[in-house]
Amino acid sequence: YCKIDGLSLSTNYIESKTISIKTTSFQQPIIVGVVYRRPNASLEQLNEAYEAILSTLNIIKALGDFNINLLKTPSIVEDNFQETVFNSGFVPTIYIPTLR
């Protein structure tokens, strides 16, 4: 695998790593991105960074810890983030809180 530097970043609000994996099973490399939003960090900045990552590459797998409670009624910013996720063809796979 090799790290994709332009999409791997660490700031006060987000950490992300994006890698390209070459295999003999697929002609094109598999792109995997993971994003971590620090607790209480700006959702607007997360949205901008996440949209940039998803629009730059055809990511096959996108993983993340976004520190957003999807079980409550979302704020406008949280709703925008969920729209970004759904519009990119992804769906959350965790439906219960991991912390109480």
N, C-alpha and C. Protein backbone atom coordinates (compact mmCIF):
# COMPACT_ATOMS: atom_id res chain seq x y z
N TYR A 1 0.85 -1.18 0.00
CA TYR A 1 0.00 0.00 0.00
C TYR A 1 0.88 1.23 0.00
N CYS A 2 0.29 2.36 -0.38
CA CYS A 2 1.00 3.62 -0.27
C CYS A 2 0.03 4.71 0.18
N LYS A 3 0.52 5.61 1.01
CA LYS A 3 -0.28 6.71 1.54
C LYS A 3 -0.49 7.76 0.46
N ILE A 4 -1.69 8.29 0.39
CA ILE A 4 -1.99 9.39 -0.52
C ILE A 4 -1.86 10.68 0.28
N ASP A 5 -0.73 11.36 0.11
CA ASP A 5 -0.39 12.49 0.96
C ASP A 5 -1.39 13.63 0.92
N GLY A 6 -1.91 13.98 -0.23
CA GLY A 6 -2.82 15.11 -0.33
C GLY A 6 -4.12 14.92 0.43
N LEU A 7 -4.48 13.68 0.74
CA LEU A 7 -5.72 13.39 1.45
C LEU A 7 -5.48 12.82 2.84
N SER A 8 -4.26 12.86 3.29
CA SER A 8 -3.93 12.42 4.65
C SER A 8 -3.48 13.66 5.41
N LEU A 9 -4.27 14.05 6.42
CA LEU A 9 -3.96 15.29 7.11
C LEU A 9 -4.25 15.17 8.60
N SER A 10 -3.69 16.09 9.35
CA SER A 10 -3.92 16.18 10.78
C SER A 10 -3.99 17.65 11.14
N THR A 11 -5.17 18.07 11.63
CA THR A 11 -5.37 19.46 12.03
C THR A 11 -5.98 19.48 13.42
N ASN A 12 -6.39 20.65 13.87
CA ASN A 12 -7.03 20.77 15.18
C ASN A 12 -8.41 20.14 15.22
N TYR A 13 -9.00 19.85 14.07
CA TYR A 13 -10.36 19.35 14.05
C TYR A 13 -10.52 17.98 13.41
N ILE A 14 -9.56 17.54 12.63
CA ILE A 14 -9.74 16.29 11.88
C ILE A 14 -8.39 15.61 11.66
N GLU A 15 -8.43 14.29 11.65
CA GLU A 15 -7.29 13.50 11.21
C GLU A 15 -7.80 12.56 10.14
N SER A 16 -7.04 12.39 9.10
CA SER A 16 -7.45 11.45 8.06
C SER A 16 -6.23 10.80 7.43
N LYS A 17 -6.45 9.59 7.00
CA LYS A 17 -5.45 8.85 6.24
C LYS A 17 -6.16 8.24 5.05
N THR A 18 -5.55 8.32 3.91
CA THR A 18 -6.08 7.70 2.71
C THR A 18 -4.95 6.92 2.07
N ILE A 19 -5.23 5.66 1.75
CA ILE A 19 -4.20 4.81 1.16
C ILE A 19 -4.70 4.16 -0.11
N SER A 20 -3.78 3.78 -0.93
CA SER A 20 -4.04 3.05 -2.16
C SER A 20 -3.41 1.66 -2.02
N ILE A 21 -4.22 0.64 -2.27
CA ILE A 21 -3.74 -0.74 -2.14
C ILE A 21 -3.78 -1.41 -3.51
N LYS A 22 -2.64 -1.88 -3.97
CA LYS A 22 -2.58 -2.60 -5.24
C LYS A 22 -2.66 -4.10 -4.95
N THR A 23 -3.52 -4.78 -5.69
CA THR A 23 -3.65 -6.22 -5.53
C THR A 23 -3.64 -6.88 -6.90
N THR A 24 -3.44 -8.16 -6.90
CA THR A 24 -3.51 -8.91 -8.16
C THR A 24 -4.95 -9.25 -8.51
N SER A 25 -5.88 -9.07 -7.57
CA SER A 25 -7.29 -9.41 -7.80
C SER A 25 -8.04 -8.34 -8.58
N PHE A 26 -7.57 -7.08 -8.54
CA PHE A 26 -8.25 -5.98 -9.20
C PHE A 26 -7.27 -5.23 -10.09
N GLN A 27 -7.77 -4.75 -11.22
CA GLN A 27 -6.92 -3.97 -12.12
C GLN A 27 -6.60 -2.61 -11.51
N GLN A 28 -7.59 -1.97 -10.92
CA GLN A 28 -7.41 -0.66 -10.30
C GLN A 28 -7.06 -0.83 -8.83
N PRO A 29 -6.27 0.08 -8.28
CA PRO A 29 -5.98 -0.01 -6.85
C PRO A 29 -7.24 0.25 -6.03
N ILE A 30 -7.29 -0.32 -4.84
CA ILE A 30 -8.38 -0.09 -3.90
C ILE A 30 -7.99 1.12 -3.06
N ILE A 31 -8.90 2.07 -2.97
CA ILE A 31 -8.66 3.28 -2.19
C ILE A 31 -9.46 3.16 -0.89
N VAL A 32 -8.78 3.36 0.23
CA VAL A 32 -9.43 3.30 1.54
C VAL A 32 -9.11 4.60 2.27
N GLY A 33 -10.16 5.24 2.79
CA GLY A 33 -9.98 6.47 3.55
C GLY A 33 -10.59 6.32 4.93
N VAL A 34 -9.93 6.85 5.92
CA VAL A 34 -10.45 6.87 7.28
C VAL A 34 -10.35 8.29 7.81
N VAL A 35 -11.42 8.72 8.50
CA VAL A 35 -11.48 10.09 9.01
C VAL A 35 -11.86 10.04 10.49
N TYR A 36 -11.20 10.86 11.30
CA TYR A 36 -11.52 10.99 12.71
C TYR A 36 -11.76 12.45 13.02
N ARG A 37 -12.93 12.73 13.57
CA ARG A 37 -13.25 14.09 14.02
C ARG A 37 -13.06 14.14 15.53
N ARG A 38 -12.23 15.04 15.96
CA ARG A 38 -12.01 15.18 17.40
C ARG A 38 -13.30 15.63 18.07
N PRO A 39 -13.59 15.15 19.29
CA PRO A 39 -14.80 15.58 19.99
C PRO A 39 -14.87 17.10 20.11
N ASN A 40 -16.04 17.63 19.88
CA ASN A 40 -16.32 19.07 19.97
C ASN A 40 -15.62 19.90 18.90
N ALA A 41 -15.03 19.25 17.90
CA ALA A 41 -14.42 19.99 16.80
C ALA A 41 -15.51 20.47 15.85
N SER A 42 -15.18 21.43 15.04
CA SER A 42 -16.14 22.05 14.13
C SER A 42 -16.68 21.06 13.10
N LEU A 43 -18.01 20.94 13.05
CA LEU A 43 -18.64 20.09 12.04
C LEU A 43 -18.52 20.69 10.64
N GLU A 44 -18.53 22.03 10.56
CA GLU A 44 -18.38 22.67 9.26
C GLU A 44 -17.05 22.29 8.62
N GLN A 45 -15.98 22.32 9.43
CA GLN A 45 -14.66 21.96 8.90
C GLN A 45 -14.59 20.48 8.54
N LEU A 46 -15.25 19.64 9.35
CA LEU A 46 -15.31 18.22 9.01
C LEU A 46 -16.02 18.03 7.68
N ASN A 47 -17.16 18.70 7.49
CA ASN A 47 -17.90 18.58 6.23
C ASN A 47 -17.03 18.96 5.03
N GLU A 48 -16.32 20.08 5.15
CA GLU A 48 -15.46 20.53 4.05
C GLU A 48 -14.38 19.50 3.73
N ALA A 49 -13.70 19.01 4.76
CA ALA A 49 -12.62 18.05 4.55
C ALA A 49 -13.16 16.74 3.99
N TYR A 50 -14.26 16.26 4.54
CA TYR A 50 -14.83 14.98 4.11
C TYR A 50 -15.31 15.06 2.66
N GLU A 51 -15.98 16.15 2.31
CA GLU A 51 -16.42 16.33 0.92
C GLU A 51 -15.23 16.36 -0.03
N ALA A 52 -14.15 17.02 0.37
CA ALA A 52 -12.96 17.10 -0.49
C ALA A 52 -12.37 15.71 -0.70
N ILE A 53 -12.30 14.93 0.36
CA ILE A 53 -11.75 13.58 0.24
C ILE A 53 -12.62 12.73 -0.68
N LEU A 54 -13.93 12.75 -0.46
CA LEU A 54 -14.83 11.91 -1.25
C LEU A 54 -14.93 12.35 -2.70
N SER A 55 -14.82 13.65 -2.97
CA SER A 55 -14.94 14.12 -4.34
C SER A 55 -13.65 13.96 -5.14
N THR A 56 -12.53 13.85 -4.45
CA THR A 56 -11.24 13.76 -5.14
C THR A 56 -11.01 12.37 -5.70
N LEU A 57 -11.42 11.37 -4.97
CA LEU A 57 -11.15 10.00 -5.38
C LEU A 57 -12.42 9.18 -5.38
N ASN A 58 -12.40 8.11 -6.14
CA ASN A 58 -13.48 7.15 -6.10
C ASN A 58 -13.17 6.17 -4.97
N ILE A 59 -13.48 6.58 -3.75
CA ILE A 59 -13.13 5.77 -2.59
C ILE A 59 -14.09 4.60 -2.48
N ILE A 60 -13.52 3.43 -2.37
CA ILE A 60 -14.33 2.23 -2.27
C ILE A 60 -14.78 2.01 -0.84
N LYS A 61 -13.93 2.27 0.11
CA LYS A 61 -14.26 2.14 1.53
C LYS A 61 -13.92 3.44 2.23
N ALA A 62 -14.87 3.96 2.97
CA ALA A 62 -14.64 5.16 3.78
C ALA A 62 -15.05 4.83 5.21
N LEU A 63 -14.11 4.97 6.11
CA LEU A 63 -14.32 4.65 7.51
C LEU A 63 -14.17 5.91 8.33
N GLY A 64 -14.73 5.92 9.52
CA GLY A 64 -14.52 7.11 10.33
C GLY A 64 -15.17 7.07 11.69
N ASP A 65 -14.64 7.89 12.55
CA ASP A 65 -15.22 8.16 13.86
C ASP A 65 -15.50 9.65 13.85
N PHE A 66 -16.75 10.01 13.64
CA PHE A 66 -17.11 11.40 13.41
C PHE A 66 -17.60 12.10 14.67
N ASN A 67 -17.79 11.35 15.76
CA ASN A 67 -18.28 11.92 17.01
C ASN A 67 -19.55 12.73 16.80
N ILE A 68 -20.50 12.12 16.09
CA ILE A 68 -21.81 12.73 15.85
C ILE A 68 -22.87 11.72 16.31
N ASN A 69 -23.80 12.18 17.11
CA ASN A 69 -24.88 11.32 17.57
C ASN A 69 -25.97 11.28 16.50
N LEU A 70 -26.02 10.20 15.73
CA LEU A 70 -26.99 10.07 14.66
C LEU A 70 -28.36 9.64 15.17
N LEU A 71 -28.49 9.37 16.47
CA LEU A 71 -29.75 8.90 17.02
C LEU A 71 -30.67 10.05 17.46
N LYS A 72 -30.13 11.26 17.57
CA LYS A 72 -30.96 12.40 17.96
C LYS A 72 -31.32 13.21 16.72
N THR A 73 -32.27 14.11 16.88
CA THR A 73 -32.63 14.99 15.78
C THR A 73 -31.41 15.83 15.42
N PRO A 74 -30.98 15.78 14.16
CA PRO A 74 -29.73 16.47 13.80
C PRO A 74 -29.89 17.98 13.69
N SER A 75 -28.81 18.68 14.00
CA SER A 75 -28.75 20.12 13.72
C SER A 75 -28.58 20.28 12.21
N ILE A 76 -28.61 21.50 11.73
CA ILE A 76 -28.44 21.75 10.29
C ILE A 76 -27.08 21.24 9.83
N VAL A 77 -26.04 21.50 10.61
CA VAL A 77 -24.69 21.07 10.22
C VAL A 77 -24.58 19.55 10.24
N GLU A 78 -25.16 18.91 11.24
CA GLU A 78 -25.15 17.44 11.30
C GLU A 78 -25.93 16.86 10.13
N ASP A 79 -27.05 17.49 9.79
CA ASP A 79 -27.85 17.04 8.66
C ASP A 79 -27.06 17.18 7.36
N ASN A 80 -26.31 18.28 7.20
CA ASN A 80 -25.46 18.47 6.02
C ASN A 80 -24.42 17.35 5.91
N PHE A 81 -23.83 16.99 7.05
CA PHE A 81 -22.85 15.91 7.04
C PHE A 81 -23.50 14.60 6.61
N GLN A 82 -24.67 14.29 7.18
CA GLN A 82 -25.37 13.06 6.80
C GLN A 82 -25.70 13.05 5.31
N GLU A 83 -26.10 14.20 4.76
CA GLU A 83 -26.37 14.29 3.33
C GLU A 83 -25.12 13.99 2.51
N THR A 84 -23.97 14.51 2.95
CA THR A 84 -22.71 14.24 2.26
C THR A 84 -22.44 12.73 2.24
N VAL A 85 -22.64 12.09 3.38
CA VAL A 85 -22.41 10.65 3.47
C VAL A 85 -23.34 9.91 2.51
N PHE A 86 -24.64 10.18 2.59
CA PHE A 86 -25.62 9.49 1.75
C PHE A 86 -25.43 9.80 0.27
N ASN A 87 -25.16 11.06 -0.07
CA ASN A 87 -24.96 11.44 -1.47
C ASN A 87 -23.72 10.79 -2.08
N SER A 88 -22.80 10.38 -1.24
CA SER A 88 -21.58 9.71 -1.72
C SER A 88 -21.78 8.20 -1.83
N GLY A 89 -22.99 7.74 -1.51
CA GLY A 89 -23.29 6.32 -1.64
C GLY A 89 -22.96 5.49 -0.42
N PHE A 90 -22.74 6.14 0.71
CA PHE A 90 -22.41 5.43 1.95
C PHE A 90 -23.58 5.45 2.91
N VAL A 91 -23.59 4.48 3.81
CA VAL A 91 -24.59 4.44 4.88
C VAL A 91 -23.89 4.09 6.18
N PRO A 92 -24.32 4.70 7.28
CA PRO A 92 -23.72 4.35 8.57
C PRO A 92 -23.99 2.89 8.91
N THR A 93 -23.05 2.25 9.55
CA THR A 93 -23.24 0.84 9.92
C THR A 93 -23.39 0.66 11.43
N ILE A 94 -23.19 1.72 12.20
CA ILE A 94 -23.36 1.65 13.64
C ILE A 94 -24.61 2.44 14.00
N TYR A 95 -25.56 1.76 14.61
CA TYR A 95 -26.83 2.40 14.93
C TYR A 95 -27.10 2.51 16.42
N ILE A 96 -26.14 2.11 17.25
CA ILE A 96 -26.31 2.23 18.68
C ILE A 96 -25.13 3.03 19.24
N PRO A 97 -25.35 3.77 20.32
CA PRO A 97 -24.25 4.55 20.89
C PRO A 97 -23.10 3.67 21.35
N THR A 98 -21.89 4.14 21.14
CA THR A 98 -20.72 3.38 21.62
C THR A 98 -20.30 3.87 22.99
N LEU A 99 -20.76 5.05 23.40
CA LEU A 99 -20.50 5.59 24.74
C LEU A 99 -21.82 6.02 25.34
N ARG A 100 -21.91 5.91 26.63
CA ARG A 100 -23.14 6.36 27.31
C ARG A 100 -22.79 7.39 28.33
